[in-house]
C-alpha atoms as a PDB file:
ATOM      1  CA  MET A   1     -59.325  -0.377 261.617  1.00  0.00           C
ATOM      2  CA  ILE A   2     -57.618   1.563 264.411  1.00  0.00           C
ATOM      3  CA  ILE A   3     -56.116   3.985 261.869  1.00  0.00           C
ATOM      4  CA  ASN A   4     -59.587   4.826 260.572  1.00  0.00           C
ATOM      5  CA  LEU A   5     -60.781   5.447 264.122  1.00  0.00           C
ATOM      6  CA  LEU A   6     -57.833   7.740 264.838  1.00  0.00           C
ATOM      7  CA  GLU A   7     -58.379   9.655 261.587  1.00  0.00           C
ATOM      8  CA  THR A   8     -62.046  10.093 262.462  1.00  0.00           C
ATOM      9  CA  ILE A   9     -61.187  11.350 265.952  1.00  0.00           C
ATOM     10  CA  ASN A  10     -58.650  13.750 264.432  1.00  0.00           C
ATOM     11  CA  GLN A  11     -61.213  15.109 261.964  1.00  0.00           C
ATOM     12  CA  LEU A  12     -63.777  15.549 264.738  1.00  0.00           C
ATOM     13  CA  SER A  13     -61.264  17.443 266.864  1.00  0.00           C
ATOM     14  CA  VAL A  14     -60.486  19.770 263.952  1.00  0.00           C
ATOM     15  CA  VAL A  15     -64.187  20.450 263.438  1.00  0.00           C
ATOM     16  CA  LEU A  16     -64.648  21.092 267.151  1.00  0.00           C
ATOM     17  CA  LEU A  17     -61.690  23.485 267.248  1.00  0.00           C
ATOM     18  CA  LEU A  18     -63.011  25.316 264.193  1.00  0.00           C
ATOM     19  CA  LEU A  19     -66.449  25.620 265.770  1.00  0.00           C
ATOM     20  CA  CYS A  20     -64.966  26.972 269.008  1.00  0.00           C
ATOM     21  CA  THR A  21     -62.871  29.438 267.026  1.00  0.00           C
ATOM     22  CA  PHE A  22     -65.944  30.809 265.258  1.00  0.00           C
ATOM     23  CA  PHE A  23     -67.828  31.169 268.535  1.00  0.00           C
ATOM     24  CA  TYR A  24     -64.896  32.936 270.188  1.00  0.00           C
ATOM     25  CA  TYR A  25     -64.534  35.222 267.151  1.00  0.00           C
ATOM     26  CA  TRP A  26     -68.256  36.025 267.361  1.00  0.00           C
ATOM     27  CA  HIS A  27     -67.893  36.736 271.087  1.00  0.00           C
ATOM     28  CA  LEU A  28     -64.943  39.088 270.490  1.00  0.00           C
ATOM     29  CA  LYS A  29     -66.806  40.850 267.703  1.00  0.00           C
ATOM     30  CA  ARG A  30     -69.773  41.417 270.018  1.00  0.00           C
ATOM     31  CA  THR A  31     -67.487  42.588 272.825  1.00  0.00           C
ATOM     32  CA  LYS A  32     -65.766  44.984 270.425  1.00  0.00           C
ATOM     33  CA  ARG A  33     -69.116  46.713 269.801  1.00  0.00           C
ATOM     34  CA  GLN A  34     -69.696  47.183 273.536  1.00  0.00           C
ATOM     35  CA  ARG A  35     -66.235  48.323 274.624  1.00  0.00           C
ATOM     36  CA  LYS A  36     -62.641  48.608 273.503  1.00  0.00           C
ATOM     37  CA  LEU A  37     -60.860  45.259 273.397  1.00  0.00           C
ATOM     38  CA  THR A  38     -57.908  44.628 275.679  1.00  0.00           C
ATOM     39  CA  THR A  39     -54.525  44.050 274.057  1.00  0.00           C
ATOM     40  CA  PHE A  40     -54.852  40.275 274.436  1.00  0.00           C
ATOM     41  CA  GLU A  41     -58.395  40.262 273.045  1.00  0.00           C
ATOM     42  CA  PHE A  42     -57.321  42.411 270.093  1.00  0.00           C
ATOM     43  CA  TRP A  43     -54.474  40.046 269.188  1.00  0.00           C
ATOM     44  CA  MET A  44     -56.751  37.016 269.528  1.00  0.00           C
ATOM     45  CA  PHE A  45     -59.309  38.721 267.272  1.00  0.00           C
ATOM     46  CA  PHE A  46     -56.582  39.494 264.715  1.00  0.00           C
ATOM     47  CA  THR A  47     -55.014  36.017 264.933  1.00  0.00           C
ATOM     48  CA  ILE A  48     -58.351  34.273 264.477  1.00  0.00           C
ATOM     49  CA  LYS A  49     -59.085  36.348 261.356  1.00  0.00           C
ATOM     50  CA  ILE A  50     -55.729  35.414 259.834  1.00  0.00           C
ATOM     51  CA  ALA A  51     -56.064  31.731 260.841  1.00  0.00           C
ATOM     52  CA  ILE A  52     -59.500  31.424 259.249  1.00  0.00           C
ATOM     53  CA  PHE A  53     -58.252  33.057 256.049  1.00  0.00           C
ATOM     54  CA  VAL A  54     -55.121  30.872 255.852  1.00  0.00           C
ATOM     55  CA  GLY A  55     -57.072  27.712 256.670  1.00  0.00           C
ATOM     56  CA  ALA A  56     -59.736  28.403 254.060  1.00  0.00           C
ATOM     57  CA  SER A  57     -57.140  29.327 251.444  1.00  0.00           C
ATOM     58  CA  SER A  58     -55.106  26.184 252.038  1.00  0.00           C
ATOM     59  CA  TYR A  59     -58.258  24.056 251.879  1.00  0.00           C
ATOM     60  CA  VAL A  60     -59.230  25.586 248.528  1.00  0.00           C
ATOM     61  CA  LEU A  61     -55.706  25.093 247.151  1.00  0.00           C
ATOM     62  CA  LEU A  62     -55.662  21.449 248.261  1.00  0.00           C
ATOM     63  CA  PHE A  63     -59.109  20.921 246.765  1.00  0.00           C
ATOM     64  CA  LEU A  64     -58.011  22.423 243.443  1.00  0.00           C
ATOM     65  CA  ASP A  65     -54.808  20.357 243.462  1.00  0.00           C
ATOM     66  CA  ARG A  66     -56.778  17.129 243.908  1.00  0.00           C
ATOM     67  CA  ASN A  67     -59.187  17.967 241.096  1.00  0.00           C
ATOM     68  CA  TYR A  68     -56.828  19.506 238.551  1.00  0.00           C
ATOM     69  CA  GLY A  69     -53.392  18.168 239.528  1.00  0.00           C
END
C-alpha cells in the first residue's frame, strides 16, 4: 500500500518537473526572440533541449523493449 503511494508521488513529481521544464523552455525561447540570452540562459536552453531529447528517446526505447523484448 505505502509502496504504491510512493510510486504515485514519484510519478507525479516527474510529471510536474517535466511540465516546469517545458514552461521554462518556452520562456527562454520567448526571451531569445526579444534579446540575446545570457550565458547561463543559453546553457539552460541547450541543456533542456538535450534533456527532453534524451528523455523521450529513452522512453521510446523502454516502450519498444516492453512490447518486443
